[in-house]
Protein backbone atom coordinates (compact mmCIF):
# COMPACT_ATOMS: atom_id res chain seq x y z
CA MET A 1 19.67 90.13 82.83
CA CYS A 2 23.04 90.88 84.11
CA GLY A 3 25.17 91.56 87.37
CA TYR A 4 24.20 95.33 87.61
CA CYS A 5 20.17 94.52 87.40
CA THR A 6 20.99 91.72 90.41
CA GLU A 7 22.50 94.91 92.26
CA GLN A 8 19.83 96.85 91.50
CA ALA A 9 17.29 94.62 92.92
CA TYR A 10 19.48 94.33 95.74
CA PHE A 11 19.39 98.31 96.63
CA ASP A 12 15.82 98.40 95.50
CA TRP A 13 15.13 95.69 98.49
CA LEU A 14 17.40 97.40 100.89
CA ALA A 15 15.99 100.72 100.12
CA LYS A 16 11.94 98.98 100.62
CA THR A 17 12.89 97.13 103.88
CA LYS A 18 14.52 99.93 105.37
CA PHE A 19 17.88 98.20 106.42
CA ASP A 20 18.94 98.44 109.93
CA ASN A 21 22.62 98.38 110.02
CA THR A 22 22.46 98.40 113.89
CA ASN A 23 20.90 94.72 113.74
CA ASN A 24 23.21 92.31 115.13
CA THR A 25 20.92 89.41 114.27
CA ASN A 26 21.71 89.34 110.46
CA GLN A 27 18.24 87.90 110.04
CA LEU A 28 16.67 88.43 106.44
CA PRO A 29 13.51 90.10 106.87
CA PRO A 30 10.57 88.29 104.86
CA THR A 31 10.26 90.72 102.03
CA VAL A 32 13.04 89.11 99.87
CA ASP A 33 11.85 89.55 95.95
CA GLU A 34 10.46 86.58 94.47
CA ILE A 35 13.30 85.50 92.27
CA ARG A 36 15.86 86.05 94.96
CA LEU A 37 18.12 88.25 93.13
CA ALA A 38 18.18 90.62 96.33
CA LYS A 39 18.93 87.37 98.55
CA CYS A 40 22.28 86.65 96.78
CA LEU A 41 23.89 89.85 97.52
CA TYR A 42 22.57 89.72 101.12
CA ASP A 43 24.18 86.61 101.81
CA GLN A 44 27.17 87.80 100.63
CA GLU A 45 27.15 90.91 102.61
CA GLN A 46 24.87 90.30 105.26
CA GLY A 47 23.78 86.75 105.55
CA GLN A 48 24.87 84.54 108.50
CA ALA A 49 25.34 81.47 106.03
CA LEU A 50 28.58 80.32 104.81
CA LEU A 51 27.42 77.87 102.43
CA GLU A 52 24.08 78.37 99.78
CA GLU A 53 22.69 75.98 97.90
CA TYR A 54 23.50 78.32 94.51
CA MET A 55 26.96 79.64 95.12
CA GLY A 56 29.35 76.78 96.05
CA TYR A 57 32.43 77.35 97.77
CA ASP A 58 33.41 81.09 96.85
CA LEU A 59 31.25 82.22 99.42
CA ALA A 60 32.07 80.21 102.38
CA LEU A 61 35.97 80.16 101.72
CA SER A 62 35.92 84.27 101.15
CA LYS A 63 34.04 84.76 104.95
CA VAL A 64 35.98 82.43 106.62
CA TYR A 65 39.35 84.24 105.54
CA GLU A 66 37.73 87.56 106.48
CA HIS A 67 36.61 86.29 109.59
CA PHE A 68 40.48 84.47 110.22
CA ILE A 69 41.89 87.77 109.40
CA HIS A 70 40.03 89.89 111.57
CA HIS A 71 39.24 87.49 114.83
CA GLY A 72 42.62 84.92 114.32
CA PHE A 73 41.62 80.83 113.87
CA ASP A 74 38.09 79.77 114.74
CA GLN A 75 37.13 76.26 114.51
CA SER A 76 33.40 77.10 115.10
CA LEU A 77 33.14 78.65 111.46
CA LEU A 78 34.41 74.99 110.10
CA ASP A 79 32.03 73.15 112.22
CA GLN A 80 29.33 75.23 111.01
CA ILE A 81 30.19 74.61 107.14
CA GLN A 82 29.64 71.36 108.04
CA LYS A 83 26.55 71.41 109.20
CA GLU A 84 25.38 73.61 106.31
CA ARG A 85 26.47 70.97 103.97
CA ILE A 86 24.33 68.20 105.36
CA GLN A 87 21.45 70.70 105.44
CA ILE A 88 22.03 70.96 101.98
CA GLU A 89 22.03 67.54 100.96
CA GLN A 90 18.58 67.24 102.78
CA SER A 91 17.17 70.06 101.34
CA TYR A 92 18.48 70.00 98.17
CA PRO A 93 19.49 66.65 97.00
CA ARG A 94 19.10 66.96 93.33
CA LEU A 95 21.39 69.85 93.29
CA TYR A 96 23.68 68.49 95.69
CA LEU A 97 24.13 65.58 93.09
CA LYS A 98 24.64 67.83 90.51
CA LEU A 99 27.19 70.46 91.72
CA LYS A 100 31.03 69.30 91.31
CA GLN A 101 32.20 70.10 94.70
CA TYR A 102 29.58 67.85 95.93
CA GLN A 103 30.09 65.04 93.69
CA LEU A 104 33.64 65.11 95.33
CA LEU A 105 32.41 64.81 98.14
CA ARG A 106 30.65 62.06 98.18
CA LYS A 107 33.55 60.11 96.64
CA GLN A 108 35.36 61.28 99.80
CA GLN A 109 32.93 59.91 102.05
CA LYS A 110 33.83 56.37 101.99
CA SER A 111 37.86 57.11 102.60
CA ASN A 112 37.61 60.00 104.53
CA LYS A 113 37.78 59.05 108.60
CA LYS A 114 37.41 62.89 109.81
CA PRO A 115 33.60 63.59 109.01
CA LYS A 116 33.62 66.84 110.85
CA LYS A 117 36.29 67.82 108.13
CA LEU A 118 34.83 66.04 105.41
CA PHE A 119 33.36 69.09 103.38
CA ILE A 120 36.17 71.68 103.77
CA TYR A 121 38.86 68.75 102.44
CA ALA A 122 36.67 68.37 99.84
CA VAL A 123 36.04 71.99 98.99
CA MET A 124 40.07 72.39 99.28
CA LYS A 125 40.45 69.63 97.05
CA PHE A 126 38.04 71.09 94.46
CA ALA A 127 39.50 74.58 94.91
CA GLY A 128 42.71 73.70 94.52
CA SER A 129 41.80 71.50 90.89
CA GLU A 130 40.42 74.57 89.59
CA LEU A 131 43.15 76.39 90.43
CA GLU A 132 45.66 73.86 88.78
CA VAL A 133 44.01 74.35 85.39
CA PHE A 134 43.62 78.50 85.77
CA LYS A 135 46.12 80.10 83.27
CA THR A 136 44.70 83.36 82.91
CA ILE A 137 47.05 85.30 85.36
CA GLU A 138 49.68 83.82 87.55
CA ILE A 139 48.79 83.21 91.31
CA PRO A 140 51.22 84.28 93.91
CA SER A 141 52.77 80.93 95.73
CA LEU A 142 52.17 81.94 98.98
CA LEU A 143 48.48 82.80 98.15
CA LYS A 144 47.85 79.26 97.09
CA GLN A 145 48.22 77.65 100.62
CA LEU A 146 45.14 79.17 101.02
CA TYR A 147 43.74 76.24 98.96
CA ILE A 148 45.51 73.77 101.13
CA ALA A 149 43.19 72.29 103.64
CA LYS A 150 45.75 72.96 106.80
CA THR A 151 46.21 75.98 105.99
CA ILE A 152 42.66 76.87 107.54
CA THR A 153 41.73 73.42 109.38
CA ASN A 154 44.76 73.66 111.87
CA ARG A 155 45.18 76.71 114.16
CA GLN A 156 49.14 76.25 114.20
CA GLN A 157 49.35 76.04 110.41
CA TRP A 158 46.98 79.07 110.22
CA ASN A 159 48.88 80.97 112.77
CA LYS A 160 52.34 80.16 110.67
CA PHE A 161 50.62 81.47 107.45
CA ILE A 162 49.09 84.61 108.82
CA SER A 163 52.35 85.76 110.71
CA ASN A 164 54.03 86.34 107.18
CA ASN A 165 53.16 89.87 107.46
CA ASN A 166 55.28 91.49 104.71
CA ARG A 167 55.29 88.60 102.39
CA LEU A 168 51.25 88.75 102.79
CA ILE A 169 51.15 92.01 101.56
CA GLU A 170 53.14 91.62 98.64
CA ALA A 171 51.24 88.84 97.94
CA SER A 172 48.01 90.61 97.91
CA VAL A 173 49.29 93.61 96.05
CA GLU A 174 50.59 91.38 93.26
CA LEU A 175 47.11 89.68 92.87
CA LEU A 176 45.06 92.77 93.00
CA GLU A 177 47.37 94.38 90.44
CA ARG A 178 47.00 91.41 88.08
CA TYR A 179 43.36 91.26 88.60
CA ASN A 180 42.92 95.05 87.68
CA GLN A 181 44.86 94.71 84.75
CA TRP A 182 42.97 91.66 83.61
CA TRP A 183 39.93 91.72 84.72
CA LEU A 184 39.13 95.36 85.13
CA VAL A 185 40.90 97.30 82.41
CA GLY A 186 41.80 94.49 80.14
CA ASN A 187 41.64 94.47 76.47
CA SER A 188 39.28 91.80 74.62
CA GLU A 189 41.90 89.05 74.75
CA GLN A 190 42.54 89.65 78.00
CA LEU A 191 39.07 89.35 79.44
CA MET A 192 38.56 85.29 78.49
CA GLY A 193 37.96 83.20 81.48
CA LYS A 194 36.08 82.78 84.65
CA LEU A 195 36.58 85.11 88.12
CA ASP A 196 34.96 81.56 90.22
CA PRO A 197 38.36 79.70 90.89
CA ILE A 198 40.35 82.74 92.22
CA PHE A 199 37.82 84.85 94.02
CA PRO A 200 38.27 83.44 97.40
CA LEU A 201 41.82 84.30 97.03
CA LEU A 202 41.38 88.12 95.60
CA TYR A 203 38.85 88.39 98.52
CA PHE A 204 41.46 87.34 100.98
CA ALA A 205 43.95 89.89 99.25
CA LEU A 206 41.43 93.01 99.48
CA VAL A 207 40.66 92.38 103.26
CA TYR A 208 44.26 91.62 104.22
CA LEU A 209 45.33 94.94 102.37
CA MET A 210 42.43 97.06 103.88
CA LYS A 211 43.41 96.01 107.14
CA GLU A 212 47.35 96.28 106.92
CA GLN A 213 47.77 99.09 104.57
CA PRO A 214 44.28 100.53 104.38
CA ASP A 215 45.54 104.05 101.97
CA HIS A 216 46.95 101.91 99.65
CA VAL A 217 46.35 102.91 95.83
CA LEU A 218 45.47 99.68 94.67
CA ILE A 219 41.94 100.15 96.90
CA GLU A 220 41.30 103.14 95.20
CA LYS A 221 42.00 101.54 91.65
CA ILE A 222 39.29 98.57 92.73
CA THR A 223 36.93 101.27 94.20
CA PHE A 224 36.45 103.46 90.98
CA THR A 225 37.64 101.34 88.39
CA ASP A 226 34.56 100.13 86.19
CA VAL A 227 34.81 96.71 84.99
CA GLU A 228 35.05 96.38 81.19
CA ARG A 229 32.61 93.29 80.68
CA CYS A 230 28.96 93.01 81.42
CA PRO A 231 29.13 91.27 85.44
CA PHE A 232 28.02 88.24 85.70
CA PHE A 233 24.23 87.66 86.92
CA ILE A 234 25.79 86.79 90.53
CA PRO A 235 28.41 89.53 90.46
CA MET A 236 31.13 88.74 92.33
CA ASP A 237 33.40 91.46 90.64
CA LEU A 238 30.47 94.26 92.07
CA TRP A 239 30.81 92.72 95.34
CA LEU A 240 34.72 93.45 95.81
CA GLN A 241 34.09 97.11 94.71
CA ARG A 242 31.47 97.59 97.07
CA LYS A 243 33.76 96.07 99.95
CA ALA A 244 36.44 98.19 98.72
CA PHE A 245 34.06 101.27 98.34
CA ILE A 246 32.82 101.54 101.84
CA HIS A 247 36.43 100.88 102.91
CA TYR A 248 37.34 103.83 101.07
CA LEU A 249 34.23 106.07 101.97
CA GLN A 250 35.20 105.66 105.91
CA HIS A 251 38.75 105.98 105.48
CA GLN A 252 39.13 108.84 103.02
CA GLY A 253 35.72 110.65 103.61
CA VAL A 254 32.82 111.82 101.61
CA SER A 255 34.36 115.06 100.02
CA LYS A 256 37.29 112.99 98.62
CA THR A 257 35.16 110.21 97.45
CA LEU A 258 32.78 112.96 95.46
CA ILE A 259 35.82 113.89 93.24
CA HIS A 260 35.83 110.36 91.24
CA PHE A 261 32.41 110.45 90.49
CA THR A 262 32.48 113.84 88.94
CA GLU A 263 35.61 112.90 87.29
CA GLY A 264 34.50 109.59 85.60
CA CYS A 265 33.45 106.86 87.86
CA ASP A 266 30.06 105.60 86.63
CA ARG A 267 28.84 103.93 89.51
CA ILE A 268 27.23 106.63 91.05
CA GLU A 269 24.55 104.17 92.72
CA MET A 270 27.13 102.90 95.28
CA LEU A 271 26.48 106.39 96.82
CA TRP A 272 22.90 105.45 97.35
CA TYR A 273 23.79 102.13 98.58
CA ALA A 274 26.15 103.76 101.51
CA VAL A 275 23.47 106.01 102.45
CA MET A 276 21.55 102.72 102.98
CA THR A 277 24.10 100.72 104.73
CA CYS A 278 26.24 103.02 106.41
CA GLU A 279 25.74 105.46 109.47
CA MET A 280 26.74 108.59 107.53
CA PRO A 281 26.10 111.93 109.26
CA GLU A 282 23.57 114.28 108.00
CA SER A 283 26.16 116.32 106.71
CA ASP A 284 28.02 114.10 104.62
CA ILE A 285 24.83 112.72 102.87
CA LYS A 286 23.70 116.34 102.12
CA LEU A 287 26.94 116.82 100.56
CA ILE A 288 26.01 113.67 98.14
CA ILE A 289 22.57 115.11 97.39
CA GLN A 290 24.36 118.66 96.78
CA MET A 291 27.25 116.87 94.33
CA PHE A 292 24.10 115.19 92.48
CA LYS A 293 22.37 118.75 92.04
CA GLU A 294 25.57 120.18 90.93
CA HIS A 295 26.33 117.44 88.54
CA PRO A 296 23.02 116.67 86.98
CA ASN A 297 23.82 114.76 84.06
CA LEU A 298 26.06 111.71 86.01
CA ILE A 299 24.38 108.54 84.53
CA GLY A 300 24.85 104.88 86.79
CA SER A 301 25.62 101.44 85.73
CA HIS A 302 21.78 101.04 85.62
CA GLY A 303 21.01 103.71 83.46
CA GLU A 304 19.48 106.23 86.19
CA GLY A 305 20.74 109.68 86.65
CA SER A 306 21.50 112.15 89.19
CA ALA A 307 17.68 113.34 89.72
CA PHE A 308 16.66 109.40 90.48
CA TYR A 309 19.41 108.95 93.12
CA ILE A 310 18.35 112.09 94.90
CA GLU A 311 14.64 110.99 94.88
CA LYS A 312 16.23 107.36 96.44
CA ILE A 313 18.13 109.04 98.79
CA GLN A 314 15.38 111.38 100.04
CA ALA A 315 12.63 108.88 99.81
CA TYR A 316 14.90 106.32 101.94
CA LEU A 317 15.80 108.86 104.56
CA ALA A 318 11.75 110.44 104.84
């Protein structure tokens, strides 16, 4: 089983539950698949929780960065992480002792005098140590500051950091271009290594670039470049791609988006996903179905073809 299978389970779950994109509660309906495949991706995109017992710090930092980019510094998110850490410790004691970041947290409990900031400092120290040994691609020095606790725990420090608009755009472009060359289209030697240590930085870079330069060519690259490896079980790279895809679709329109699928992009399943998660006008959905009918031989990442996705979209809208 691979990341494409996990994603397909998530899409199937969205279809079965008739996902309501106008629901502001963001509460997960009770019909999650028993093996929790769908929940992994739901937590990435829709869940209220910042910290999950099976996803480590990647999810928490990514969501904090995104919120801070769009809404500014918010202490309540850091307090929420602390509360969720306590809940995990109480509910999953064995897992709590097993994960490296939680081991680090336990070591710091005796010496740290700021209990409300204890966990986020532990997370940052762990993330920083992971980054120190990450030698696969060079990380822009400005973005490394995102793994310094004071950058996101101090309002003045965050405001100072985020005010570097031009430098942050340059750093984001630099990191995303390296991600594209290394992870998405790299050769077999370049494909060694893990994405986890730098994923929150990649997520920050993409979200920041989408906000500041919504038409940048790198967003298009990430949207329509199929990764040259089988995605891992919890596919963080596919999350980035879906994030970029929805942004591209909403900014460039359906007609321009569909051209990419007729010219080589295999991720046709993202069109089904868009129908389920975006408020698309009927005219746009008709264009998607018409494209599938005119190109019956298209095959998606999970091995299903145009006819399959026509049926899925029509069934969802029924």
